[in-house]
Amino acid sequence: MPDPSQCPTCGRPLKYGGLVLTVREDDGKRTCRALWKCATRHLWWQWSDRPDAPLETCPVPSLFA
């Protein structure tokens, strides 16, 4: 999976934060999301099995901050 380089909100560099196992709503598959965060504490994730998928805002940042 290619590493996203910049935070879409502030433009600061993103740092990899690990994988989160979730259930995808559209197909019911259990799969991982890669977690990314910047120094400004913006939290993003994307499907690890869909490398071209855009970053999405993490809906539960308090779990990973």
PDB file of N, CA and C in Angstrom:
ATOM      1  N   MET A   1       0.851  -1.170   0.000  1.00  0.00           N
ATOM      2  CA  MET A   1       0.000   0.000   0.000  1.00  0.00           C
ATOM      3  C   MET A   1       0.895   1.232   0.000  1.00  0.00           C
ATOM      4  N   PRO A   2       0.658   2.158  -0.892  1.00  0.00           N
ATOM      5  CA  PRO A   2       1.464   3.374  -0.896  1.00  0.00           C
ATOM      6  C   PRO A   2       1.176   4.229   0.338  1.00  0.00           C
ATOM      7  N   ASP A   3       2.203   4.840   0.875  1.00  0.00           N
ATOM      8  CA  ASP A   3       2.037   5.695   2.043  1.00  0.00           C
ATOM      9  C   ASP A   3       1.532   7.065   1.620  1.00  0.00           C
ATOM     10  N   PRO A   4       0.443   7.520   2.234  1.00  0.00           N
ATOM     11  CA  PRO A   4       0.044   8.904   1.986  1.00  0.00           C
ATOM     12  C   PRO A   4       1.104   9.808   2.615  1.00  0.00           C
ATOM     13  N   SER A   5       1.451  10.869   1.970  1.00  0.00           N
ATOM     14  CA  SER A   5       2.556  11.684   2.461  1.00  0.00           C
ATOM     15  C   SER A   5       2.130  12.884   3.291  1.00  0.00           C
ATOM     16  N   GLN A   6       0.959  13.446   3.000  1.00  0.00           N
ATOM     17  CA  GLN A   6       0.544  14.661   3.689  1.00  0.00           C
ATOM     18  C   GLN A   6      -0.880  14.556   4.216  1.00  0.00           C
ATOM     19  N   CYS A   7      -1.117  15.238   5.314  1.00  0.00           N
ATOM     20  CA  CYS A   7      -2.462  15.332   5.877  1.00  0.00           C
ATOM     21  C   CYS A   7      -3.327  16.155   4.932  1.00  0.00           C
ATOM     22  N   PRO A   8      -4.490  15.629   4.530  1.00  0.00           N
ATOM     23  CA  PRO A   8      -5.376  16.395   3.638  1.00  0.00           C
ATOM     24  C   PRO A   8      -5.906  17.685   4.260  1.00  0.00           C
ATOM     25  N   THR A   9      -5.916  17.783   5.597  1.00  0.00           N
ATOM     26  CA  THR A   9      -6.444  18.970   6.256  1.00  0.00           C
ATOM     27  C   THR A   9      -5.406  20.073   6.428  1.00  0.00           C
ATOM     28  N   CYS A  10      -4.216  19.709   6.938  1.00  0.00           N
ATOM     29  CA  CYS A  10      -3.226  20.740   7.260  1.00  0.00           C
ATOM     30  C   CYS A  10      -1.954  20.667   6.424  1.00  0.00           C
ATOM     31  N   GLY A  11      -1.754  19.599   5.670  1.00  0.00           N
ATOM     32  CA  GLY A  11      -0.577  19.473   4.823  1.00  0.00           C
ATOM     33  C   GLY A  11       0.681  18.988   5.520  1.00  0.00           C
ATOM     34  N   ARG A  12       0.588  18.699   6.820  1.00  0.00           N
ATOM     35  CA  ARG A  12       1.757  18.205   7.554  1.00  0.00           C
ATOM     36  C   ARG A  12       1.992  16.729   7.225  1.00  0.00           C
ATOM     37  N   PRO A  13       3.206  16.235   7.435  1.00  0.00           N
ATOM     38  CA  PRO A  13       3.505  14.822   7.147  1.00  0.00           C
ATOM     39  C   PRO A  13       2.666  13.875   8.002  1.00  0.00           C
ATOM     40  N   LEU A  14       2.275  12.754   7.403  1.00  0.00           N
ATOM     41  CA  LEU A  14       1.518  11.733   8.111  1.00  0.00           C
ATOM     42  C   LEU A  14       2.464  10.645   8.619  1.00  0.00           C
ATOM     43  N   LYS A  15       2.122  10.087   9.781  1.00  0.00           N
ATOM     44  CA  LYS A  15       2.895   8.999  10.367  1.00  0.00           C
ATOM     45  C   LYS A  15       1.983   7.783  10.495  1.00  0.00           C
ATOM     46  N   TYR A  16       2.506   6.626  10.102  1.00  0.00           N
ATOM     47  CA  TYR A  16       1.745   5.383  10.168  1.00  0.00           C
ATOM     48  C   TYR A  16       1.468   5.037  11.631  1.00  0.00           C
ATOM     49  N   GLY A  17       0.221   4.642  11.921  1.00  0.00           N
ATOM     50  CA  GLY A  17      -0.174   4.346  13.294  1.00  0.00           C
ATOM     51  C   GLY A  17      -0.622   2.923  13.535  1.00  0.00           C
ATOM     52  N   GLY A  18      -0.489   2.033  12.543  1.00  0.00           N
ATOM     53  CA  GLY A  18      -0.858   0.638  12.738  1.00  0.00           C
ATOM     54  C   GLY A  18      -2.092   0.246  11.948  1.00  0.00           C
ATOM     55  N   LEU A  19      -2.551  -0.980  12.214  1.00  0.00           N
ATOM     56  CA  LEU A  19      -3.736  -1.519  11.536  1.00  0.00           C
ATOM     57  C   LEU A  19      -4.869  -1.713  12.530  1.00  0.00           C
ATOM     58  N   VAL A  20      -6.088  -1.516  12.045  1.00  0.00           N
ATOM     59  CA  VAL A  20      -7.295  -1.695  12.852  1.00  0.00           C
ATOM     60  C   VAL A  20      -8.198  -2.675  12.115  1.00  0.00           C
ATOM     61  N   LEU A  21      -8.569  -3.778  12.771  1.00  0.00           N
ATOM     62  CA  LEU A  21      -9.463  -4.757  12.154  1.00  0.00           C
ATOM     63  C   LEU A  21     -10.903  -4.287  12.305  1.00  0.00           C
ATOM     64  N   THR A  22     -11.612  -4.174  11.187  1.00  0.00           N
ATOM     65  CA  THR A  22     -12.999  -3.705  11.185  1.00  0.00           C
ATOM     66  C   THR A  22     -13.829  -4.548  10.223  1.00  0.00           C
ATOM     67  N   VAL A  23     -15.126  -4.361  10.276  1.00  0.00           N
ATOM     68  CA  VAL A  23     -16.035  -4.999   9.321  1.00  0.00           C
ATOM     69  C   VAL A  23     -16.481  -3.933   8.340  1.00  0.00           C
ATOM     70  N   ARG A  24     -16.277  -4.212   7.064  1.00  0.00           N
ATOM     71  CA  ARG A  24     -16.668  -3.261   6.020  1.00  0.00           C
ATOM     72  C   ARG A  24     -18.166  -3.392   5.781  1.00  0.00           C
ATOM     73  N   GLU A  25     -18.872  -2.271   5.798  1.00  0.00           N
ATOM     74  CA  GLU A  25     -20.333  -2.288   5.670  1.00  0.00           C
ATOM     75  C   GLU A  25     -20.822  -2.718   4.298  1.00  0.00           C
ATOM     76  N   ASP A  26     -20.113  -2.342   3.237  1.00  0.00           N
ATOM     77  CA  ASP A  26     -20.636  -2.621   1.895  1.00  0.00           C
ATOM     78  C   ASP A  26     -20.572  -4.094   1.500  1.00  0.00           C
ATOM     79  N   ASP A  27     -19.645  -4.868   2.076  1.00  0.00           N
ATOM     80  CA  ASP A  27     -19.572  -6.291   1.714  1.00  0.00           C
ATOM     81  C   ASP A  27     -19.531  -7.236   2.918  1.00  0.00           C
ATOM     82  N   GLY A  28     -19.551  -6.694   4.138  1.00  0.00           N
ATOM     83  CA  GLY A  28     -19.571  -7.509   5.340  1.00  0.00           C
ATOM     84  C   GLY A  28     -18.257  -8.225   5.647  1.00  0.00           C
ATOM     85  N   LYS A  29     -17.192  -7.891   4.905  1.00  0.00           N
ATOM     86  CA  LYS A  29     -15.894  -8.528   5.084  1.00  0.00           C
ATOM     87  C   LYS A  29     -15.134  -7.930   6.254  1.00  0.00           C
ATOM     88  N   ARG A  30     -14.468  -8.806   7.027  1.00  0.00           N
ATOM     89  CA  ARG A  30     -13.553  -8.318   8.057  1.00  0.00           C
ATOM     90  C   ARG A  30     -12.229  -8.010   7.369  1.00  0.00           C
ATOM     91  N   THR A  31     -11.797  -6.796   7.495  1.00  0.00           N
ATOM     92  CA  THR A  31     -10.543  -6.388   6.857  1.00  0.00           C
ATOM     93  C   THR A  31      -9.896  -5.267   7.671  1.00  0.00           C
ATOM     94  N   CYS A  32      -8.666  -4.989   7.385  1.00  0.00           N
ATOM     95  CA  CYS A  32      -7.921  -3.989   8.149  1.00  0.00           C
ATOM     96  C   CYS A  32      -7.980  -2.614   7.501  1.00  0.00           C
ATOM     97  N   ARG A  33      -7.894  -1.625   8.347  1.00  0.00           N
ATOM     98  CA  ARG A  33      -7.712  -0.252   7.912  1.00  0.00           C
ATOM     99  C   ARG A  33      -6.359   0.202   8.435  1.00  0.00           C
ATOM    100  N   ALA A  34      -5.606   0.890   7.586  1.00  0.00           N
ATOM    101  CA  ALA A  34      -4.343   1.482   8.006  1.00  0.00           C
ATOM    102  C   ALA A  34      -4.652   2.841   8.631  1.00  0.00           C
ATOM    103  N   LEU A  35      -4.077   3.096   9.785  1.00  0.00           N
ATOM    104  CA  LEU A  35      -4.315   4.326  10.536  1.00  0.00           C
ATOM    105  C   LEU A  35      -3.152   5.286  10.312  1.00  0.00           C
ATOM    106  N   TRP A  36      -3.460   6.542  10.025  1.00  0.00           N
ATOM    107  CA  TRP A  36      -2.455   7.577   9.771  1.00  0.00           C
ATOM    108  C   TRP A  36      -2.782   8.802  10.609  1.00  0.00           C
ATOM    109  N   LYS A  37      -1.744   9.459  11.163  1.00  0.00           N
ATOM    110  CA  LYS A  37      -1.988  10.687  11.919  1.00  0.00           C
ATOM    111  C   LYS A  37      -0.863  11.684  11.676  1.00  0.00           C
ATOM    112  N   CYS A  38      -1.194  12.949  11.879  1.00  0.00           N
ATOM    113  CA  CYS A  38      -0.206  14.016  11.711  1.00  0.00           C
ATOM    114  C   CYS A  38       0.077  14.641  13.075  1.00  0.00           C
ATOM    115  N   ALA A  39       1.056  15.536  13.130  1.00  0.00           N
ATOM    116  CA  ALA A  39       1.435  16.186  14.386  1.00  0.00           C
ATOM    117  C   ALA A  39       0.324  17.078  14.933  1.00  0.00           C
ATOM    118  N   THR A  40      -0.592  17.491  14.080  1.00  0.00           N
ATOM    119  CA  THR A  40      -1.717  18.326  14.510  1.00  0.00           C
ATOM    120  C   THR A  40      -2.855  17.482  15.082  1.00  0.00           C
ATOM    121  N   ARG A  41      -2.642  16.162  15.119  1.00  0.00           N
ATOM    122  CA  ARG A  41      -3.588  15.187  15.671  1.00  0.00           C
ATOM    123  C   ARG A  41      -4.809  14.916  14.789  1.00  0.00           C
ATOM    124  N   HIS A  42      -4.702  15.192  13.492  1.00  0.00           N
ATOM    125  CA  HIS A  42      -5.747  14.740  12.574  1.00  0.00           C
ATOM    126  C   HIS A  42      -5.541  13.253  12.378  1.00  0.00           C
ATOM    127  N   LEU A  43      -6.618  12.493  12.396  1.00  0.00           N
ATOM    128  CA  LEU A  43      -6.542  11.041  12.279  1.00  0.00           C
ATOM    129  C   LEU A  43      -7.293  10.583  11.041  1.00  0.00           C
ATOM    130  N   TRP A  44      -6.622   9.755  10.232  1.00  0.00           N
ATOM    131  CA  TRP A  44      -7.175   9.267   8.974  1.00  0.00           C
ATOM    132  C   TRP A  44      -6.996   7.768   8.911  1.00  0.00           C
ATOM    133  N   TRP A  45      -7.839   7.120   8.107  1.00  0.00           N
ATOM    134  CA  TRP A  45      -7.611   5.714   7.818  1.00  0.00           C
ATOM    135  C   TRP A  45      -8.048   5.385   6.422  1.00  0.00           C
ATOM    136  N   GLN A  46      -7.567   4.234   5.917  1.00  0.00           N
ATOM    137  CA  GLN A  46      -7.964   3.777   4.584  1.00  0.00           C
ATOM    138  C   GLN A  46      -7.912   2.251   4.582  1.00  0.00           C
ATOM    139  N   TRP A  47      -8.695   1.647   3.697  1.00  0.00           N
ATOM    140  CA  TRP A  47      -8.723   0.196   3.595  1.00  0.00           C
ATOM    141  C   TRP A  47      -7.368  -0.318   3.139  1.00  0.00           C
ATOM    142  N   SER A  48      -6.814  -1.275   3.861  1.00  0.00           N
ATOM    143  CA  SER A  48      -5.491  -1.782   3.510  1.00  0.00           C
ATOM    144  C   SER A  48      -5.531  -2.674   2.271  1.00  0.00           C
ATOM    145  N   ASP A  49      -6.702  -3.227   1.938  1.00  0.00           N
ATOM    146  CA  ASP A  49      -6.803  -4.059   0.736  1.00  0.00           C
ATOM    147  C   ASP A  49      -7.254  -3.261  -0.487  1.00  0.00           C
ATOM    148  N   ARG A  50      -7.403  -1.969  -0.330  1.00  0.00           N
ATOM    149  CA  ARG A  50      -7.768  -1.073  -1.438  1.00  0.00           C
ATOM    150  C   ARG A  50      -6.779   0.091  -1.471  1.00  0.00           C
ATOM    151  N   PRO A  51      -5.575  -0.157  -2.001  1.00  0.00           N
ATOM    152  CA  PRO A  51      -4.516   0.845  -1.933  1.00  0.00           C
ATOM    153  C   PRO A  51      -4.823   2.163  -2.646  1.00  0.00           C
ATOM    154  N   ASP A  52      -5.726   2.158  -3.590  1.00  0.00           N
ATOM    155  CA  ASP A  52      -6.067   3.395  -4.297  1.00  0.00           C
ATOM    156  C   ASP A  52      -7.229   4.140  -3.647  1.00  0.00           C
ATOM    157  N   ALA A  53      -7.766   3.585  -2.572  1.00  0.00           N
ATOM    158  CA  ALA A  53      -8.883   4.232  -1.879  1.00  0.00           C
ATOM    159  C   ALA A  53      -8.396   5.511  -1.190  1.00  0.00           C
ATOM    160  N   PRO A  54      -9.220   6.530  -1.159  1.00  0.00           N
ATOM    161  CA  PRO A  54      -8.806   7.779  -0.510  1.00  0.00           C
ATOM    162  C   PRO A  54      -8.774   7.628   1.013  1.00  0.00           C
ATOM    163  N   LEU A  55      -8.051   8.508   1.648  1.00  0.00           N
ATOM    164  CA  LEU A  55      -8.067   8.563   3.110  1.00  0.00           C
ATOM    165  C   LEU A  55      -9.448   9.018   3.564  1.00  0.00           C
ATOM    166  N   GLU A  56      -9.901   8.466   4.682  1.00  0.00           N
ATOM    167  CA  GLU A  56     -11.171   8.880   5.282  1.00  0.00           C
ATOM    168  C   GLU A  56     -10.897   9.341   6.707  1.00  0.00           C
ATOM    169  N   THR A  57     -11.666  10.303   7.164  1.00  0.00           N
ATOM    170  CA  THR A  57     -11.542  10.735   8.552  1.00  0.00           C
ATOM    171  C   THR A  57     -11.920   9.582   9.468  1.00  0.00           C
ATOM    172  N   CYS A  58     -11.090   9.330  10.470  1.00  0.00           N
ATOM    173  CA  CYS A  58     -11.387   8.272  11.437  1.00  0.00           C
ATOM    174  C   CYS A  58     -12.565   8.728  12.295  1.00  0.00           C
ATOM    175  N   PRO A  59     -13.645   7.926  12.383  1.00  0.00           N
ATOM    176  CA  PRO A  59     -14.831   8.362  13.115  1.00  0.00           C
ATOM    177  C   PRO A  59     -14.700   8.256  14.639  1.00  0.00           C
ATOM    178  N   VAL A  60     -13.664   7.585  15.132  1.00  0.00           N
ATOM    179  CA  VAL A  60     -13.488   7.420  16.579  1.00  0.00           C
ATOM    180  C   VAL A  60     -12.056   7.789  17.000  1.00  0.00           C
ATOM    181  N   PRO A  61     -11.654   9.037  16.796  1.00  0.00           N
ATOM    182  CA  PRO A  61     -10.268   9.419  17.084  1.00  0.00           C
ATOM    183  C   PRO A  61      -9.886   9.241  18.550  1.00  0.00           C
ATOM    184  N   SER A  62     -10.843   9.306  19.452  1.00  0.00           N
ATOM    185  CA  SER A  62     -10.523   9.168  20.875  1.00  0.00           C
ATOM    186  C   SER A  62      -9.963   7.784  21.212  1.00  0.00           C
ATOM    187  N   LEU A  63     -10.241   6.778  20.397  1.00  0.00           N
ATOM    188  CA  LEU A  63      -9.698   5.443  20.639  1.00  0.00           C
ATOM    189  C   LEU A  63      -8.215   5.343  20.303  1.00  0.00           C
ATOM    190  N   PHE A  64      -7.711   6.231  19.454  1.00  0.00           N
ATOM    191  CA  PHE A  64      -6.351   6.106  18.948  1.00  0.00           C
ATOM    192  C   PHE A  64      -5.458   7.303  19.255  1.00  0.00           C
ATOM    193  N   ALA A  65      -5.989   8.317  19.899  1.00  0.00           N
ATOM    194  CA  ALA A  65      -5.202   9.540  20.150  1.00  0.00           C
ATOM    195  C   ALA A  65      -4.201   9.372  21.256  1.00  0.00           C
TER     196      ALA A  65
END
